[in-house]
Amino acid sequence: MTRPNAGTWVVAGLAGVAHAVIGVVFYAASGLVAPLWAIVLLGLWWLVLAVVLVRLARRGSWWTPVVPLIAFGTWWAALTAGEQALGWTA
């Protein structure tokens, strides 16, 4: 286990800001297209990823920037699949 240092805290902070922006901008805006059940599932997934991000940050991991990338990727995949397979439209 690596002890957190200033570099890992800065990277984790930037990753946290990116994760928050993705949650507020993309996940919250999903309500314009997705049904309520999908929004709830996406919100829970976003919270799980937030917990993962915090745990990685506390360990001093350099992997924290991957979490917002996963958050955006899964959001995009879910909305795209919903649009194509389930007919979600704006």
PDB file of N, CA and C in Angstrom:
ATOM      1  N   MET A   1       0.844  -1.174   0.000  1.00  0.00           N
ATOM      2  CA  MET A   1       0.000   0.000   0.000  1.00  0.00           C
ATOM      3  C   MET A   1       0.890   1.238   0.000  1.00  0.00           C
ATOM      4  N   THR A   2       0.604   2.160  -0.920  1.00  0.00           N
ATOM      5  CA  THR A   2       1.359   3.391  -1.026  1.00  0.00           C
ATOM      6  C   THR A   2       0.738   4.455  -0.137  1.00  0.00           C
ATOM      7  N   ARG A   3       1.597   5.177   0.546  1.00  0.00           N
ATOM      8  CA  ARG A   3       1.088   6.287   1.357  1.00  0.00           C
ATOM      9  C   ARG A   3       0.775   7.453   0.448  1.00  0.00           C
ATOM     10  N   PRO A   4      -0.356   8.118   0.665  1.00  0.00           N
ATOM     11  CA  PRO A   4      -0.688   9.277  -0.159  1.00  0.00           C
ATOM     12  C   PRO A   4       0.369  10.376  -0.005  1.00  0.00           C
ATOM     13  N   ASN A   5       0.721  10.990  -1.116  1.00  0.00           N
ATOM     14  CA  ASN A   5       1.611  12.147  -1.068  1.00  0.00           C
ATOM     15  C   ASN A   5       0.912  13.301  -1.770  1.00  0.00           C
ATOM     16  N   ALA A   6       1.585  14.429  -1.863  1.00  0.00           N
ATOM     17  CA  ALA A   6       0.952  15.619  -2.447  1.00  0.00           C
ATOM     18  C   ALA A   6       0.505  15.357  -3.887  1.00  0.00           C
ATOM     19  N   GLY A   7       1.307  14.643  -4.648  1.00  0.00           N
ATOM     20  CA  GLY A   7       0.952  14.362  -6.039  1.00  0.00           C
ATOM     21  C   GLY A   7      -0.303  13.534  -6.166  1.00  0.00           C
ATOM     22  N   THR A   8      -0.404  12.485  -5.365  1.00  0.00           N
ATOM     23  CA  THR A   8      -1.596  11.636  -5.456  1.00  0.00           C
ATOM     24  C   THR A   8      -2.837  12.376  -4.968  1.00  0.00           C
ATOM     25  N   TRP A   9      -2.677  13.269  -3.978  1.00  0.00           N
ATOM     26  CA  TRP A   9      -3.822  14.040  -3.510  1.00  0.00           C
ATOM     27  C   TRP A   9      -4.301  15.020  -4.581  1.00  0.00           C
ATOM     28  N   VAL A  10      -3.360  15.636  -5.289  1.00  0.00           N
ATOM     29  CA  VAL A  10      -3.746  16.562  -6.355  1.00  0.00           C
ATOM     30  C   VAL A  10      -4.479  15.816  -7.466  1.00  0.00           C
ATOM     31  N   VAL A  11      -3.916  14.695  -7.883  1.00  0.00           N
ATOM     32  CA  VAL A  11      -4.552  13.893  -8.933  1.00  0.00           C
ATOM     33  C   VAL A  11      -5.925  13.409  -8.475  1.00  0.00           C
ATOM     34  N   ALA A  12      -6.017  12.958  -7.239  1.00  0.00           N
ATOM     35  CA  ALA A  12      -7.304  12.489  -6.710  1.00  0.00           C
ATOM     36  C   ALA A  12      -8.307  13.640  -6.631  1.00  0.00           C
ATOM     37  N   GLY A  13      -7.855  14.816  -6.251  1.00  0.00           N
ATOM     38  CA  GLY A  13      -8.748  15.977  -6.201  1.00  0.00           C
ATOM     39  C   GLY A  13      -9.289  16.335  -7.569  1.00  0.00           C
ATOM     40  N   LEU A  14      -8.418  16.333  -8.568  1.00  0.00           N
ATOM     41  CA  LEU A  14      -8.860  16.613  -9.933  1.00  0.00           C
ATOM     42  C   LEU A  14      -9.822  15.530 -10.435  1.00  0.00           C
ATOM     43  N   ALA A  15      -9.524  14.280 -10.089  1.00  0.00           N
ATOM     44  CA  ALA A  15     -10.415  13.182 -10.471  1.00  0.00           C
ATOM     45  C   ALA A  15     -11.769  13.336  -9.777  1.00  0.00           C
ATOM     46  N   GLY A  16     -11.752  13.774  -8.519  1.00  0.00           N
ATOM     47  CA  GLY A  16     -13.003  13.996  -7.791  1.00  0.00           C
ATOM     48  C   GLY A  16     -13.838  15.097  -8.419  1.00  0.00           C
ATOM     49  N   VAL A  17     -13.184  16.174  -8.833  1.00  0.00           N
ATOM     50  CA  VAL A  17     -13.902  17.262  -9.510  1.00  0.00           C
ATOM     51  C   VAL A  17     -14.487  16.757 -10.826  1.00  0.00           C
ATOM     52  N   ALA A  18     -13.695  16.014 -11.587  1.00  0.00           N
ATOM     53  CA  ALA A  18     -14.178  15.472 -12.853  1.00  0.00           C
ATOM     54  C   ALA A  18     -15.364  14.534 -12.621  1.00  0.00           C
ATOM     55  N   HIS A  19     -15.280  13.700 -11.597  1.00  0.00           N
ATOM     56  CA  HIS A  19     -16.369  12.766 -11.290  1.00  0.00           C
ATOM     57  C   HIS A  19     -17.635  13.541 -10.902  1.00  0.00           C
ATOM     58  N   ALA A  20     -17.477  14.589 -10.119  1.00  0.00           N
ATOM     59  CA  ALA A  20     -18.629  15.398  -9.726  1.00  0.00           C
ATOM     60  C   ALA A  20     -19.261  16.077 -10.937  1.00  0.00           C
ATOM     61  N   VAL A  21     -18.450  16.617 -11.821  1.00  0.00           N
ATOM     62  CA  VAL A  21     -18.976  17.272 -13.018  1.00  0.00           C
ATOM     63  C   VAL A  21     -19.726  16.267 -13.890  1.00  0.00           C
ATOM     64  N   ILE A  22     -19.157  15.091 -14.051  1.00  0.00           N
ATOM     65  CA  ILE A  22     -19.835  14.050 -14.836  1.00  0.00           C
ATOM     66  C   ILE A  22     -21.172  13.690 -14.193  1.00  0.00           C
ATOM     67  N   GLY A  23     -21.189  13.604 -12.870  1.00  0.00           N
ATOM     68  CA  GLY A  23     -22.438  13.288 -12.173  1.00  0.00           C
ATOM     69  C   GLY A  23     -23.478  14.370 -12.338  1.00  0.00           C
ATOM     70  N   VAL A  24     -23.070  15.619 -12.201  1.00  0.00           N
ATOM     71  CA  VAL A  24     -24.016  16.726 -12.275  1.00  0.00           C
ATOM     72  C   VAL A  24     -24.464  16.979 -13.711  1.00  0.00           C
ATOM     73  N   VAL A  25     -23.529  16.990 -14.623  1.00  0.00           N
ATOM     74  CA  VAL A  25     -23.874  17.341 -16.002  1.00  0.00           C
ATOM     75  C   VAL A  25     -24.506  16.172 -16.747  1.00  0.00           C
ATOM     76  N   PHE A  26     -23.848  15.030 -16.759  1.00  0.00           N
ATOM     77  CA  PHE A  26     -24.315  13.932 -17.594  1.00  0.00           C
ATOM     78  C   PHE A  26     -25.343  13.050 -16.896  1.00  0.00           C
ATOM     79  N   TYR A  27     -25.019  12.564 -15.706  1.00  0.00           N
ATOM     80  CA  TYR A  27     -25.937  11.645 -15.023  1.00  0.00           C
ATOM     81  C   TYR A  27     -27.252  12.341 -14.679  1.00  0.00           C
ATOM     82  N   ALA A  28     -27.183  13.575 -14.198  1.00  0.00           N
ATOM     83  CA  ALA A  28     -28.409  14.287 -13.847  1.00  0.00           C
ATOM     84  C   ALA A  28     -29.239  14.612 -15.083  1.00  0.00           C
ATOM     85  N   ALA A  29     -28.574  14.902 -16.187  1.00  0.00           N
ATOM     86  CA  ALA A  29     -29.287  15.226 -17.422  1.00  0.00           C
ATOM     87  C   ALA A  29     -29.909  13.990 -18.061  1.00  0.00           C
ATOM     88  N   SER A  30     -29.582  12.819 -17.587  1.00  0.00           N
ATOM     89  CA  SER A  30     -30.153  11.593 -18.146  1.00  0.00           C
ATOM     90  C   SER A  30     -31.662  11.557 -18.011  1.00  0.00           C
ATOM     91  N   GLY A  31     -32.191  12.307 -17.071  1.00  0.00           N
ATOM     92  CA  GLY A  31     -33.631  12.365 -16.877  1.00  0.00           C
ATOM     93  C   GLY A  31     -34.376  12.904 -18.080  1.00  0.00           C
ATOM     94  N   LEU A  32     -33.668  13.565 -18.979  1.00  0.00           N
ATOM     95  CA  LEU A  32     -34.297  14.075 -20.192  1.00  0.00           C
ATOM     96  C   LEU A  32     -34.568  12.969 -21.203  1.00  0.00           C
ATOM     97  N   VAL A  33     -33.881  11.834 -21.048  1.00  0.00           N
ATOM     98  CA  VAL A  33     -33.988  10.754 -22.026  1.00  0.00           C
ATOM     99  C   VAL A  33     -34.414   9.435 -21.383  1.00  0.00           C
ATOM    100  N   ALA A  34     -33.811   9.091 -20.271  1.00  0.00           N
ATOM    101  CA  ALA A  34     -33.995   7.769 -19.661  1.00  0.00           C
ATOM    102  C   ALA A  34     -35.190   7.743 -18.711  1.00  0.00           C
ATOM    103  N   PRO A  35     -35.792   6.568 -18.537  1.00  0.00           N
ATOM    104  CA  PRO A  35     -36.882   6.419 -17.557  1.00  0.00           C
ATOM    105  C   PRO A  35     -36.325   6.445 -16.124  1.00  0.00           C
ATOM    106  N   LEU A  36     -37.224   6.615 -15.182  1.00  0.00           N
ATOM    107  CA  LEU A  36     -36.832   6.767 -13.780  1.00  0.00           C
ATOM    108  C   LEU A  36     -35.998   5.589 -13.280  1.00  0.00           C
ATOM    109  N   TRP A  37     -36.362   4.364 -13.624  1.00  0.00           N
ATOM    110  CA  TRP A  37     -35.628   3.199 -13.120  1.00  0.00           C
ATOM    111  C   TRP A  37     -34.173   3.235 -13.594  1.00  0.00           C
ATOM    112  N   ALA A  38     -33.956   3.689 -14.812  1.00  0.00           N
ATOM    113  CA  ALA A  38     -32.598   3.760 -15.337  1.00  0.00           C
ATOM    114  C   ALA A  38     -31.810   4.880 -14.655  1.00  0.00           C
ATOM    115  N   ILE A  39     -32.478   5.972 -14.364  1.00  0.00           N
ATOM    116  CA  ILE A  39     -31.812   7.085 -13.677  1.00  0.00           C
ATOM    117  C   ILE A  39     -31.390   6.653 -12.278  1.00  0.00           C
ATOM    118  N   VAL A  40     -32.250   5.914 -11.601  1.00  0.00           N
ATOM    119  CA  VAL A  40     -31.917   5.420 -10.256  1.00  0.00           C
ATOM    120  C   VAL A  40     -30.712   4.488 -10.322  1.00  0.00           C
ATOM    121  N   LEU A  41     -30.714   3.561 -11.268  1.00  0.00           N
ATOM    122  CA  LEU A  41     -29.575   2.639 -11.414  1.00  0.00           C
ATOM    123  C   LEU A  41     -28.295   3.392 -11.756  1.00  0.00           C
ATOM    124  N   LEU A  42     -28.382   4.340 -12.658  1.00  0.00           N
ATOM    125  CA  LEU A  42     -27.198   5.133 -12.995  1.00  0.00           C
ATOM    126  C   LEU A  42     -26.703   5.927 -11.794  1.00  0.00           C
ATOM    127  N   GLY A  43     -27.617   6.486 -11.031  1.00  0.00           N
ATOM    128  CA  GLY A  43     -27.231   7.229  -9.827  1.00  0.00           C
ATOM    129  C   GLY A  43     -26.542   6.342  -8.808  1.00  0.00           C
ATOM    130  N   LEU A  44     -27.063   5.148  -8.620  1.00  0.00           N
ATOM    131  CA  LEU A  44     -26.418   4.208  -7.691  1.00  0.00           C
ATOM    132  C   LEU A  44     -25.027   3.818  -8.191  1.00  0.00           C
ATOM    133  N   TRP A  45     -24.910   3.594  -9.489  1.00  0.00           N
ATOM    134  CA  TRP A  45     -23.603   3.259 -10.078  1.00  0.00           C
ATOM    135  C   TRP A  45     -22.615   4.410  -9.873  1.00  0.00           C
ATOM    136  N   TRP A  46     -23.081   5.650 -10.061  1.00  0.00           N
ATOM    137  CA  TRP A  46     -22.228   6.811  -9.857  1.00  0.00           C
ATOM    138  C   TRP A  46     -21.755   6.876  -8.400  1.00  0.00           C
ATOM    139  N   LEU A  47     -22.643   6.576  -7.469  1.00  0.00           N
ATOM    140  CA  LEU A  47     -22.261   6.575  -6.049  1.00  0.00           C
ATOM    141  C   LEU A  47     -21.243   5.484  -5.741  1.00  0.00           C
ATOM    142  N   VAL A  48     -21.424   4.298  -6.315  1.00  0.00           N
ATOM    143  CA  VAL A  48     -20.449   3.215  -6.128  1.00  0.00           C
ATOM    144  C   VAL A  48     -19.081   3.663  -6.626  1.00  0.00           C
ATOM    145  N   LEU A  49     -19.058   4.285  -7.791  1.00  0.00           N
ATOM    146  CA  LEU A  49     -17.783   4.768  -8.332  1.00  0.00           C
ATOM    147  C   LEU A  49     -17.191   5.871  -7.457  1.00  0.00           C
ATOM    148  N   ALA A  50     -18.028   6.700  -6.852  1.00  0.00           N
ATOM    149  CA  ALA A  50     -17.527   7.734  -5.945  1.00  0.00           C
ATOM    150  C   ALA A  50     -16.844   7.098  -4.733  1.00  0.00           C
ATOM    151  N   VAL A  51     -17.429   6.039  -4.213  1.00  0.00           N
ATOM    152  CA  VAL A  51     -16.813   5.325  -3.084  1.00  0.00           C
ATOM    153  C   VAL A  51     -15.479   4.716  -3.506  1.00  0.00           C
ATOM    154  N   VAL A  52     -15.439   4.126  -4.682  1.00  0.00           N
ATOM    155  CA  VAL A  52     -14.189   3.563  -5.200  1.00  0.00           C
ATOM    156  C   VAL A  52     -13.136   4.660  -5.322  1.00  0.00           C
ATOM    157  N   LEU A  53     -13.527   5.819  -5.830  1.00  0.00           N
ATOM    158  CA  LEU A  53     -12.597   6.930  -5.977  1.00  0.00           C
ATOM    159  C   LEU A  53     -12.026   7.363  -4.630  1.00  0.00           C
ATOM    160  N   VAL A  54     -12.876   7.478  -3.630  1.00  0.00           N
ATOM    161  CA  VAL A  54     -12.409   7.865  -2.296  1.00  0.00           C
ATOM    162  C   VAL A  54     -11.458   6.819  -1.727  1.00  0.00           C
ATOM    163  N   ARG A  55     -11.799   5.561  -1.887  1.00  0.00           N
ATOM    164  CA  ARG A  55     -10.928   4.496  -1.367  1.00  0.00           C
ATOM    165  C   ARG A  55      -9.578   4.497  -2.066  1.00  0.00           C
ATOM    166  N   LEU A  56      -9.570   4.694  -3.373  1.00  0.00           N
ATOM    167  CA  LEU A  56      -8.306   4.773  -4.103  1.00  0.00           C
ATOM    168  C   LEU A  56      -7.490   5.976  -3.647  1.00  0.00           C
ATOM    169  N   ALA A  57      -8.154   7.101  -3.443  1.00  0.00           N
ATOM    170  CA  ALA A  57      -7.459   8.311  -3.006  1.00  0.00           C
ATOM    171  C   ALA A  57      -6.833   8.127  -1.629  1.00  0.00           C
ATOM    172  N   ARG A  58      -7.558   7.499  -0.731  1.00  0.00           N
ATOM    173  CA  ARG A  58      -7.034   7.281   0.620  1.00  0.00           C
ATOM    174  C   ARG A  58      -5.847   6.330   0.638  1.00  0.00           C
ATOM    175  N   ARG A  59      -5.765   5.473  -0.382  1.00  0.00           N
ATOM    176  CA  ARG A  59      -4.631   4.555  -0.488  1.00  0.00           C
ATOM    177  C   ARG A  59      -3.442   5.188  -1.197  1.00  0.00           C
ATOM    178  N   GLY A  60      -3.641   6.380  -1.764  1.00  0.00           N
ATOM    179  CA  GLY A  60      -2.562   7.030  -2.485  1.00  0.00           C
ATOM    180  C   GLY A  60      -2.361   6.471  -3.877  1.00  0.00           C
ATOM    181  N   SER A  61      -3.411   5.946  -4.460  1.00  0.00           N
ATOM    182  CA  SER A  61      -3.327   5.322  -5.777  1.00  0.00           C
ATOM    183  C   SER A  61      -3.306   6.368  -6.892  1.00  0.00           C
ATOM    184  N   TRP A  62      -2.530   6.065  -7.904  1.00  0.00           N
ATOM    185  CA  TRP A  62      -2.496   6.905  -9.099  1.00  0.00           C
ATOM    186  C   TRP A  62      -3.610   6.520 -10.071  1.00  0.00           C
ATOM    187  N   TRP A  63      -4.450   5.559  -9.722  1.00  0.00           N
ATOM    188  CA  TRP A  63      -5.529   5.093 -10.595  1.00  0.00           C
ATOM    189  C   TRP A  63      -6.803   5.937 -10.471  1.00  0.00           C
ATOM    190  N   THR A  64      -6.803   6.936  -9.625  1.00  0.00           N
ATOM    191  CA  THR A  64      -8.028   7.723  -9.423  1.00  0.00           C
ATOM    192  C   THR A  64      -8.581   8.366 -10.699  1.00  0.00           C
ATOM    193  N   PRO A  65      -7.768   8.810 -11.656  1.00  0.00           N
ATOM    194  CA  PRO A  65      -8.355   9.415 -12.863  1.00  0.00           C
ATOM    195  C   PRO A  65      -9.147   8.431 -13.727  1.00  0.00           C
ATOM    196  N   VAL A  66      -8.955   7.153 -13.498  1.00  0.00           N
ATOM    197  CA  VAL A  66      -9.690   6.158 -14.281  1.00  0.00           C
ATOM    198  C   VAL A  66     -11.168   6.147 -13.892  1.00  0.00           C
ATOM    199  N   VAL A  67     -11.471   6.479 -12.650  1.00  0.00           N
ATOM    200  CA  VAL A  67     -12.859   6.396 -12.170  1.00  0.00           C
ATOM    201  C   VAL A  67     -13.797   7.323 -12.949  1.00  0.00           C
ATOM    202  N   PRO A  68     -13.470   8.612 -13.143  1.00  0.00           N
ATOM    203  CA  PRO A  68     -14.381   9.424 -13.952  1.00  0.00           C
ATOM    204  C   PRO A  68     -14.472   8.958 -15.413  1.00  0.00           C
ATOM    205  N   LEU A  69     -13.417   8.382 -15.925  1.00  0.00           N
ATOM    206  CA  LEU A  69     -13.473   7.834 -17.283  1.00  0.00           C
ATOM    207  C   LEU A  69     -14.459   6.666 -17.344  1.00  0.00           C
ATOM    208  N   ILE A  70     -14.423   5.814 -16.340  1.00  0.00           N
ATOM    209  CA  ILE A  70     -15.379   4.697 -16.267  1.00  0.00           C
ATOM    210  C   ILE A  70     -16.798   5.235 -16.099  1.00  0.00           C
ATOM    211  N   ALA A  71     -16.943   6.259 -15.264  1.00  0.00           N
ATOM    212  CA  ALA A  71     -18.267   6.856 -15.058  1.00  0.00           C
ATOM    213  C   ALA A  71     -18.832   7.390 -16.367  1.00  0.00           C
ATOM    214  N   PHE A  72     -18.016   8.120 -17.121  1.00  0.00           N
ATOM    215  CA  PHE A  72     -18.499   8.657 -18.391  1.00  0.00           C
ATOM    216  C   PHE A  72     -18.767   7.533 -19.386  1.00  0.00           C
ATOM    217  N   GLY A  73     -17.854   6.578 -19.464  1.00  0.00           N
ATOM    218  CA  GLY A  73     -18.012   5.472 -20.414  1.00  0.00           C
ATOM    219  C   GLY A  73     -19.254   4.649 -20.158  1.00  0.00           C
ATOM    220  N   THR A  74     -19.527   4.341 -18.919  1.00  0.00           N
ATOM    221  CA  THR A  74     -20.718   3.542 -18.613  1.00  0.00           C
ATOM    222  C   THR A  74     -21.994   4.349 -18.816  1.00  0.00           C
ATOM    223  N   TRP A  75     -21.941   5.656 -18.506  1.00  0.00           N
ATOM    224  CA  TRP A  75     -23.098   6.509 -18.771  1.00  0.00           C
ATOM    225  C   TRP A  75     -23.392   6.517 -20.270  1.00  0.00           C
ATOM    226  N   TRP A  76     -22.370   6.747 -21.075  1.00  0.00           N
ATOM    227  CA  TRP A  76     -22.541   6.805 -22.523  1.00  0.00           C
ATOM    228  C   TRP A  76     -23.070   5.471 -23.056  1.00  0.00           C
ATOM    229  N   ALA A  77     -22.489   4.367 -22.595  1.00  0.00           N
ATOM    230  CA  ALA A  77     -22.920   3.045 -23.049  1.00  0.00           C
ATOM    231  C   ALA A  77     -24.369   2.779 -22.652  1.00  0.00           C
ATOM    232  N   ALA A  78     -24.748   3.131 -21.436  1.00  0.00           N
ATOM    233  CA  ALA A  78     -26.120   2.891 -20.971  1.00  0.00           C
ATOM    234  C   ALA A  78     -27.123   3.704 -21.777  1.00  0.00           C
ATOM    235  N   LEU A  79     -26.820   4.975 -22.002  1.00  0.00           N
ATOM    236  CA  LEU A  79     -27.751   5.806 -22.764  1.00  0.00           C
ATOM    237  C   LEU A  79     -27.823   5.386 -24.228  1.00  0.00           C
ATOM    238  N   THR A  80     -26.698   5.012 -24.786  1.00  0.00           N
ATOM    239  CA  THR A  80     -26.684   4.556 -26.178  1.00  0.00           C
ATOM    240  C   THR A  80     -27.473   3.252 -26.319  1.00  0.00           C
ATOM    241  N   ALA A  81     -27.244   2.317 -25.399  1.00  0.00           N
ATOM    242  CA  ALA A  81     -27.980   1.047 -25.436  1.00  0.00           C
ATOM    243  C   ALA A  81     -29.468   1.277 -25.223  1.00  0.00           C
ATOM    244  N   GLY A  82     -29.805   2.166 -24.294  1.00  0.00           N
ATOM    245  CA  GLY A  82     -31.213   2.470 -24.064  1.00  0.00           C
ATOM    246  C   GLY A  82     -31.887   3.083 -25.271  1.00  0.00           C
ATOM    247  N   GLU A  83     -31.152   3.947 -25.949  1.00  0.00           N
ATOM    248  CA  GLU A  83     -31.712   4.573 -27.145  1.00  0.00           C
ATOM    249  C   GLU A  83     -31.908   3.538 -28.260  1.00  0.00           C
ATOM    250  N   GLN A  84     -30.917   2.700 -28.477  1.00  0.00           N
ATOM    251  CA  GLN A  84     -30.980   1.758 -29.591  1.00  0.00           C
ATOM    252  C   GLN A  84     -31.873   0.549 -29.312  1.00  0.00           C
ATOM    253  N   ALA A  85     -31.784   0.003 -28.100  1.00  0.00           N
ATOM    254  CA  ALA A  85     -32.518  -1.231 -27.805  1.00  0.00           C
ATOM    255  C   ALA A  85     -33.877  -0.994 -27.175  1.00  0.00           C
ATOM    256  N   LEU A  86     -34.013   0.099 -26.425  1.00  0.00           N
ATOM    257  CA  LEU A  86     -35.259   0.311 -25.691  1.00  0.00           C
ATOM    258  C   LEU A  86     -36.069   1.506 -26.183  1.00  0.00           C
ATOM    259  N   GLY A  87     -35.527   2.198 -27.162  1.00  0.00           N
ATOM    260  CA  GLY A  87     -36.282   3.298 -27.756  1.00  0.00           C
ATOM    261  C   GLY A  87     -36.331   4.573 -26.943  1.00  0.00           C
ATOM    262  N   TRP A  88     -35.361   4.803 -26.060  1.00  0.00           N
ATOM    263  CA  TRP A  88     -35.344   6.049 -25.294  1.00  0.00           C
ATOM    264  C   TRP A  88     -35.024   7.191 -26.248  1.00  0.00           C
ATOM    265  N   THR A  89     -35.817   8.232 -26.193  1.00  0.00           N
ATOM    266  CA  THR A  89     -35.561   9.405 -27.018  1.00  0.00           C
ATOM    267  C   THR A  89     -35.835  10.666 -26.220  1.00  0.00           C
ATOM    268  N   ALA A  90     -35.267  11.737 -26.669  1.00  0.00           N
ATOM    269  CA  ALA A  90     -35.456  13.020 -25.985  1.00  0.00           C
ATOM    270  C   ALA A  90     -36.773  13.643 -26.381  1.00  0.00           C
TER     271      ALA A  90
END
